[in-house]
Amino acid sequence: MECNNCSVAELKFDIKLEGETNLAVMDKVVSHLERRDMEITRKENRLLMKEQGAKEFLDFCLHLMEPAKVQFRIDKGGWNKIEEMEQVFNTEWIDDVIRKELLVCHYQPIVTADGETFAYEMLARFHHEDGTVIYPNEIFPAAKSRSRLYALDRVCRMAAVRHAAVLKDVKAFINFIPTSIYSPEFCLRSTTNLANELGVDPRQLVFEVVETEQVDDVDHLREILAFYKKKGFQYALDDVGEGYSTIELLADLKPHYMKLDMQYVQGVAEDADKQKTALRFLEKAFEVGSVPLAEGVETKEDFDWLKQQGYQLFQGYYFGKPAKEPQEVTIVPA
């Protein structure tokens, strides 16, 4: 069983033409591309080709066809408007980032109410070959446009496991995108094999469901988390308080850790509405057996309020920013 989505294999474009004008010039399109030595397959009103052929097609389409009646998709993904194809070409640099693993992991501490380091979240930081930084708000849209989210997620997970291997007596929280996992047994095999190879205790790793991609198939997410649990790993729900991380899902999945979204953490000491949300999810976390963790803590006031209510773990700039090496935590005095 092979998975092209976990690699950076050459993209395959499926282009669908509609409208009398577009269908009338299909033969000309095929002849034009074949003269340019491009591989192309015609199936009724659709054309299948590789990326170089798609670049040639786009120029032809914009000048001689009705672009509004042309759609494309990549590797059996969702259909897109033809004008979005240019963005796919412009983000080709993401392939190098993944293929050459141009990323490092930074460590951000997660602490107990007493300020002791309980874990580190492994946060990927990306860069081009010349060393210039690529920010998350660039990398993930680029990966999505080229259908590389799957491959990017795998590279990040593998790098995080390798960095986690240097930690002693503390846990490592590792992010993953649920929609990047087709079959847990297959897609996560390389991750579990690497952990075993490096001698990392499965109980040390906490796989964190991030909300970069919305999860519509809860049954599939449950299957993924069951796989992690069977292998001895723990899991956490991130950004709890909005999106799919609702009270109901928290009760359904019963994660080992519940991370309250920072929008309900920052300023909570002075905001009655945020306090209601924080307390509602705290109560549910205790009810289902999840450890409540507040992320995005930046002030002593918020830390003290959350601690007094019963939150057990904390993460945020108040305790330390992401760093290339694990750092000792110092609680800022009042």
Protein backbone atom coordinates (compact mmCIF):
# COMPACT_ATOMS: atom_id res chain seq x y z
CA MET A 1 0.00 0.00 0.00
CA GLU A 2 1.48 3.34 -1.06
CA CYS A 3 0.43 6.83 -0.10
CA ASN A 4 1.34 9.63 -2.49
CA ASN A 5 -0.01 12.15 0.00
CA CYS A 6 2.83 11.42 2.44
CA SER A 7 5.44 12.19 -0.24
CA VAL A 8 6.05 15.06 -2.62
CA ALA A 9 5.40 13.13 -5.80
CA GLU A 10 4.68 15.16 -8.93
CA LEU A 11 1.21 16.65 -8.86
CA LYS A 12 -1.46 15.30 -11.17
CA PHE A 13 -4.10 17.75 -12.39
CA ASP A 14 -7.63 16.77 -13.35
CA ILE A 15 -9.20 19.59 -15.41
CA LYS A 16 -12.92 19.67 -16.18
CA LEU A 17 -14.29 21.73 -19.08
CA GLU A 18 -17.89 22.80 -19.50
CA GLY A 19 -19.66 25.07 -21.94
CA GLU A 20 -19.94 24.89 -25.72
CA THR A 21 -16.93 27.09 -26.41
CA ASN A 22 -14.59 25.14 -24.15
CA LEU A 23 -15.70 21.74 -25.40
CA ALA A 24 -15.28 22.89 -29.00
CA VAL A 25 -11.57 23.66 -28.49
CA MET A 26 -10.67 20.51 -26.53
CA ASP A 27 -9.03 18.90 -29.56
CA LYS A 28 -6.93 22.01 -30.11
CA VAL A 29 -5.88 21.99 -26.46
CA VAL A 30 -4.80 18.36 -26.65
CA SER A 31 -2.91 18.93 -29.91
CA HIS A 32 -1.20 22.03 -28.51
CA LEU A 33 0.03 20.19 -25.40
CA GLU A 34 1.13 17.13 -27.35
CA ARG A 35 3.19 19.34 -29.67
CA ARG A 36 4.86 20.65 -26.53
CA ASP A 37 5.68 17.05 -25.54
CA MET A 38 3.29 17.14 -22.60
CA GLU A 39 1.66 13.94 -21.39
CA ILE A 40 -2.12 14.33 -21.49
CA THR A 41 -5.07 11.99 -21.19
CA ARG A 42 -8.58 12.90 -22.32
CA LYS A 43 -11.64 11.40 -20.62
CA GLU A 44 -14.87 12.85 -22.02
CA ASN A 45 -14.88 16.49 -20.86
CA ARG A 46 -11.83 16.11 -18.61
CA LEU A 47 -8.09 16.39 -19.20
CA LEU A 48 -5.51 14.68 -17.00
CA MET A 49 -1.94 16.01 -16.96
CA LYS A 50 1.12 16.73 -14.84
CA GLU A 51 2.08 20.14 -13.49
CA GLN A 52 4.13 21.34 -16.45
CA GLY A 53 1.22 20.54 -18.74
CA ALA A 54 -1.15 22.36 -16.39
CA LYS A 55 1.02 25.49 -16.61
CA GLU A 56 0.78 25.40 -20.40
CA PHE A 57 -2.95 24.74 -20.23
CA LEU A 58 -3.60 27.68 -17.90
CA ASP A 59 -2.03 30.14 -20.35
CA PHE A 60 -4.05 28.65 -23.21
CA CYS A 61 -7.25 28.71 -21.14
CA LEU A 62 -6.98 32.33 -20.03
CA HIS A 63 -6.50 33.57 -23.59
CA LEU A 64 -8.68 31.31 -25.74
CA MET A 65 -11.35 29.75 -23.51
CA GLU A 66 -14.08 30.65 -21.02
CA PRO A 67 -12.22 30.34 -17.68
CA ALA A 68 -15.41 30.67 -15.64
CA LYS A 69 -16.50 27.26 -16.98
CA VAL A 70 -13.25 25.44 -16.21
CA GLN A 71 -12.41 23.71 -12.92
CA PHE A 72 -9.46 21.69 -11.67
CA ARG A 73 -8.52 19.41 -8.84
CA ILE A 74 -5.29 17.83 -7.64
CA ASP A 75 -4.95 14.10 -6.96
CA LYS A 76 -8.70 13.49 -6.57
CA GLY A 77 -9.16 16.39 -4.16
CA GLY A 78 -11.95 18.98 -4.24
CA TRP A 79 -12.76 20.97 -7.36
CA ASN A 80 -11.40 24.54 -7.60
CA LYS A 81 -11.88 27.51 -9.89
CA ILE A 82 -9.26 27.69 -12.63
CA GLU A 83 -8.01 31.10 -11.44
CA GLU A 84 -6.80 29.39 -8.24
CA MET A 85 -4.34 27.29 -10.24
CA GLU A 86 -1.78 30.11 -10.35
CA GLN A 87 -1.53 29.96 -6.55
CA VAL A 88 -0.67 26.25 -6.77
CA PHE A 89 2.27 27.09 -9.05
CA ASN A 90 3.41 30.03 -6.90
CA THR A 91 3.67 27.84 -3.80
CA GLU A 92 5.89 25.19 -5.36
CA TRP A 93 8.56 26.13 -2.78
CA ILE A 94 6.63 24.09 -0.18
CA ASP A 95 7.81 20.93 -1.94
CA ASP A 96 11.44 21.76 -1.09
CA VAL A 97 10.56 22.52 2.53
CA ILE A 98 9.00 19.07 2.90
CA ARG A 99 11.44 17.10 0.76
CA LYS A 100 14.53 18.61 2.44
CA GLU A 101 12.86 18.84 5.88
CA LEU A 102 13.65 22.54 6.25
CA LEU A 103 12.30 22.83 9.77
CA VAL A 104 13.35 22.68 13.38
CA CYS A 105 11.33 22.14 16.54
CA HIS A 106 11.17 24.65 19.35
CA TYR A 107 10.23 23.76 22.90
CA GLN A 108 7.58 25.68 24.86
CA PRO A 109 7.14 24.68 28.51
CA ILE A 110 3.90 23.43 30.03
CA VAL A 111 3.95 23.84 33.81
CA THR A 112 2.06 22.73 36.89
CA ALA A 113 0.31 25.07 39.31
CA ASP A 114 3.55 25.09 41.34
CA GLY A 115 5.55 26.24 38.33
CA GLU A 116 7.32 22.93 37.74
CA THR A 117 7.91 21.82 34.15
CA PHE A 118 5.46 19.04 33.29
CA ALA A 119 5.97 18.92 29.51
CA TYR A 120 7.08 20.80 26.41
CA GLU A 121 4.98 21.43 23.34
CA MET A 122 6.98 20.77 20.19
CA LEU A 123 6.41 23.66 17.78
CA ALA A 124 7.67 23.46 14.19
CA ARG A 125 9.54 26.43 12.77
CA PHE A 126 10.13 26.51 9.01
CA HIS A 127 12.79 28.14 6.84
CA HIS A 128 13.99 28.36 3.26
CA GLU A 129 17.40 26.98 2.25
CA ASP A 130 18.92 30.46 2.63
CA GLY A 131 17.78 30.52 6.25
CA THR A 132 14.94 33.02 5.88
CA VAL A 133 11.96 32.27 8.10
CA ILE A 134 8.66 30.95 6.76
CA TYR A 135 5.79 31.80 9.09
CA PRO A 136 2.94 29.39 9.91
CA ASN A 137 0.41 31.66 8.19
CA GLU A 138 2.42 31.11 4.98
CA ILE A 139 3.35 27.45 5.29
CA PHE A 140 -0.06 25.91 5.94
CA PRO A 141 -2.00 27.76 3.20
CA ALA A 142 0.81 26.87 0.78
CA ALA A 143 0.67 23.21 1.78
CA LYS A 144 -3.09 23.18 1.45
CA SER A 145 -3.09 24.75 -2.03
CA ARG A 146 -0.70 22.06 -3.31
CA SER A 147 -2.38 19.20 -1.42
CA ARG A 148 0.72 18.83 0.75
CA LEU A 149 -0.89 19.07 4.19
CA TYR A 150 -0.58 15.32 4.58
CA ALA A 151 3.14 15.26 3.78
CA LEU A 152 3.83 18.37 5.87
CA ASP A 153 2.05 16.95 8.89
CA ARG A 154 4.06 13.72 8.69
CA VAL A 155 7.40 15.57 8.45
CA CYS A 156 6.47 17.72 11.45
CA ARG A 157 5.42 14.69 13.53
CA MET A 158 8.63 12.83 12.76
CA ALA A 159 10.79 15.86 13.62
CA ALA A 160 8.87 16.35 16.87
CA VAL A 161 9.45 12.73 17.92
CA ARG A 162 13.18 13.09 17.25
CA HIS A 163 13.34 16.26 19.35
CA ALA A 164 11.27 14.65 22.10
CA ALA A 165 13.89 11.92 22.42
CA VAL A 166 16.23 14.35 24.24
CA LEU A 167 13.71 15.08 26.99
CA LYS A 168 14.01 13.28 30.30
CA ASP A 169 11.22 12.78 32.83
CA VAL A 170 8.83 15.19 31.09
CA LYS A 171 6.24 14.72 28.37
CA ALA A 172 6.23 16.07 24.82
CA PHE A 173 3.04 17.42 23.21
CA ILE A 174 3.09 16.82 19.44
CA ASN A 175 0.57 18.46 17.10
CA PHE A 176 -1.11 16.58 14.28
CA ILE A 177 -3.78 17.37 11.70
CA PRO A 178 -6.54 14.72 11.87
CA THR A 179 -7.55 15.10 8.23
CA SER A 180 -4.02 14.07 7.21
CA ILE A 181 -4.59 10.55 8.54
CA TYR A 182 -6.36 8.18 6.14
CA SER A 183 -5.64 4.91 7.91
CA PRO A 184 -4.15 5.11 11.44
CA GLU A 185 -2.49 1.70 11.13
CA PHE A 186 -0.74 2.79 7.92
CA CYS A 187 -0.30 6.56 8.20
CA LEU A 188 1.00 6.52 11.78
CA ARG A 189 3.23 3.47 11.43
CA SER A 190 6.34 5.53 10.67
CA THR A 191 5.72 7.70 13.74
CA THR A 192 5.34 4.77 16.10
CA ASN A 193 8.31 2.96 14.54
CA LEU A 194 10.53 6.02 15.01
CA ALA A 195 9.51 6.36 18.67
CA ASN A 196 10.40 2.70 19.23
CA GLU A 197 13.68 3.06 17.36
CA LEU A 198 14.71 6.03 19.51
CA GLY A 199 13.65 4.32 22.71
CA VAL A 200 11.00 6.92 23.51
CA ASP A 201 8.50 5.68 26.09
CA PRO A 202 5.04 5.93 24.48
CA ARG A 203 3.70 7.37 27.74
CA GLN A 204 6.02 10.34 27.21
CA LEU A 205 4.24 11.45 24.03
CA VAL A 206 0.93 13.33 23.92
CA PHE A 207 -0.53 13.74 20.42
CA GLU A 208 -2.47 16.97 20.19
CA VAL A 209 -5.43 17.39 17.83
CA VAL A 210 -5.04 20.84 16.29
CA GLU A 211 -7.78 22.83 14.62
CA THR A 212 -5.81 23.85 11.53
CA GLU A 213 -8.28 21.71 9.60
CA GLN A 214 -11.88 21.21 10.71
CA VAL A 215 -12.80 17.63 11.47
CA ASP A 216 -16.16 16.64 10.04
CA ASP A 217 -15.78 12.89 10.51
CA VAL A 218 -15.79 12.40 14.28
CA ASP A 219 -15.90 8.62 13.89
CA HIS A 220 -12.63 8.75 11.97
CA LEU A 221 -11.07 11.01 14.61
CA ARG A 222 -12.20 8.56 17.29
CA GLU A 223 -10.51 5.75 15.33
CA ILE A 224 -7.24 7.70 15.18
CA LEU A 225 -7.25 8.45 18.90
CA ALA A 226 -8.10 4.83 19.71
CA PHE A 227 -5.01 3.80 17.72
CA TYR A 228 -2.79 6.17 19.68
CA LYS A 229 -4.22 4.92 22.95
CA LYS A 230 -3.69 1.27 21.94
CA LYS A 231 -0.02 2.03 21.24
CA GLY A 232 0.40 3.54 24.71
CA PHE A 233 0.36 7.21 23.71
CA GLN A 234 -1.87 9.89 25.21
CA TYR A 235 -3.81 12.57 23.36
CA ALA A 236 -5.07 16.11 23.90
CA LEU A 237 -7.72 18.33 22.35
CA ASP A 238 -6.42 21.78 21.43
CA ASP A 239 -8.35 25.08 21.16
CA VAL A 240 -11.23 23.80 23.30
CA GLY A 241 -14.03 26.31 23.52
CA GLU A 242 -14.81 26.88 19.84
CA GLY A 243 -15.06 25.08 16.52
CA TYR A 244 -15.47 21.33 16.70
CA SER A 245 -14.02 21.16 20.24
CA THR A 246 -17.39 21.55 21.92
CA ILE A 247 -18.61 20.30 25.25
CA GLU A 248 -20.22 17.35 23.46
CA LEU A 249 -17.04 16.33 21.66
CA LEU A 250 -15.02 16.64 24.83
CA ALA A 251 -17.43 14.24 26.50
CA ASP A 252 -17.38 11.91 23.49
CA LEU A 253 -13.60 11.64 23.03
CA LYS A 254 -12.52 11.90 26.68
CA PRO A 255 -9.00 13.17 25.94
CA HIS A 256 -6.25 12.79 28.47
CA TYR A 257 -5.72 16.57 28.33
CA MET A 258 -8.09 19.44 27.52
CA LYS A 259 -6.44 22.67 26.34
CA LEU A 260 -8.64 25.72 26.84
CA ASP A 261 -8.26 28.11 23.90
CA MET A 262 -6.22 31.22 24.65
CA GLN A 263 -9.05 33.56 23.71
CA TYR A 264 -10.79 32.43 26.90
CA VAL A 265 -7.58 32.56 28.93
CA GLN A 266 -6.14 35.97 28.16
CA GLY A 267 -7.91 38.52 30.33
CA VAL A 268 -10.03 35.89 32.10
CA ALA A 269 -9.28 37.36 35.54
CA GLU A 270 -11.30 40.47 34.62
CA ASP A 271 -13.85 39.12 32.12
CA ALA A 272 -17.03 37.50 33.44
CA ASP A 273 -17.96 35.92 30.10
CA LYS A 274 -14.54 34.30 29.71
CA GLN A 275 -14.78 33.08 33.28
CA LYS A 276 -18.08 31.34 32.53
CA THR A 277 -16.55 29.55 29.55
CA ALA A 278 -13.41 28.60 31.47
CA LEU A 279 -15.46 27.19 34.35
CA ARG A 280 -17.88 25.32 32.07
CA PHE A 281 -15.06 23.48 30.34
CA LEU A 282 -13.20 22.93 33.62
CA GLU A 283 -16.26 21.20 35.03
CA LYS A 284 -16.64 19.02 31.94
CA ALA A 285 -12.93 18.14 31.94
CA PHE A 286 -13.17 16.83 35.50
CA GLU A 287 -16.39 15.01 34.64
CA VAL A 288 -14.79 13.04 31.77
CA GLY A 289 -11.40 12.57 33.42
CA SER A 290 -9.36 15.04 31.36
CA VAL A 291 -6.54 17.12 32.82
CA PRO A 292 -7.46 20.81 32.28
CA LEU A 293 -4.71 22.90 30.67
CA ALA A 294 -4.92 26.65 30.02
CA GLU A 295 -2.83 27.86 27.06
CA GLY A 296 -1.82 31.40 26.21
CA VAL A 297 -1.26 32.57 29.80
CA GLU A 298 0.58 35.90 29.73
CA THR A 299 -0.13 37.55 33.09
CA LYS A 300 0.11 36.64 36.75
CA GLU A 301 -3.51 37.70 37.28
CA ASP A 302 -4.85 35.21 34.75
CA PHE A 303 -2.53 32.47 36.05
CA ASP A 304 -3.66 33.03 39.65
CA TRP A 305 -7.37 33.07 38.74
CA LEU A 306 -7.17 29.89 36.67
CA LYS A 307 -5.09 28.15 39.32
CA GLN A 308 -7.58 29.06 42.04
CA GLN A 309 -10.46 27.63 40.00
CA GLY A 310 -8.71 24.29 39.60
CA TYR A 311 -6.81 24.36 36.30
CA GLN A 312 -3.86 22.03 36.68
CA LEU A 313 -1.51 22.78 33.78
CA PHE A 314 -0.51 26.05 32.11
CA GLN A 315 1.28 27.22 28.98
CA GLY A 316 2.10 30.67 27.66
CA TYR A 317 4.63 33.49 27.48
CA TYR A 318 4.31 34.07 31.22
CA PHE A 319 6.29 30.85 31.69
CA GLY A 320 8.45 30.93 28.58
CA LYS A 321 8.46 31.48 24.83
CA PRO A 322 9.29 28.70 22.36
CA ALA A 323 13.06 28.13 22.31
CA LYS A 324 15.52 25.96 20.40
CA GLU A 325 16.49 24.17 23.61
CA PRO A 326 14.38 23.15 26.64
CA GLN A 327 14.49 26.06 29.08
CA GLU A 328 14.14 26.23 32.86
CA VAL A 329 10.85 27.86 33.83
CA THR A 330 10.96 31.00 35.94
CA ILE A 331 7.72 32.36 37.34
CA VAL A 332 7.72 36.14 37.08
CA PRO A 333 7.34 37.60 40.58
CA ALA A 334 4.43 39.88 41.44
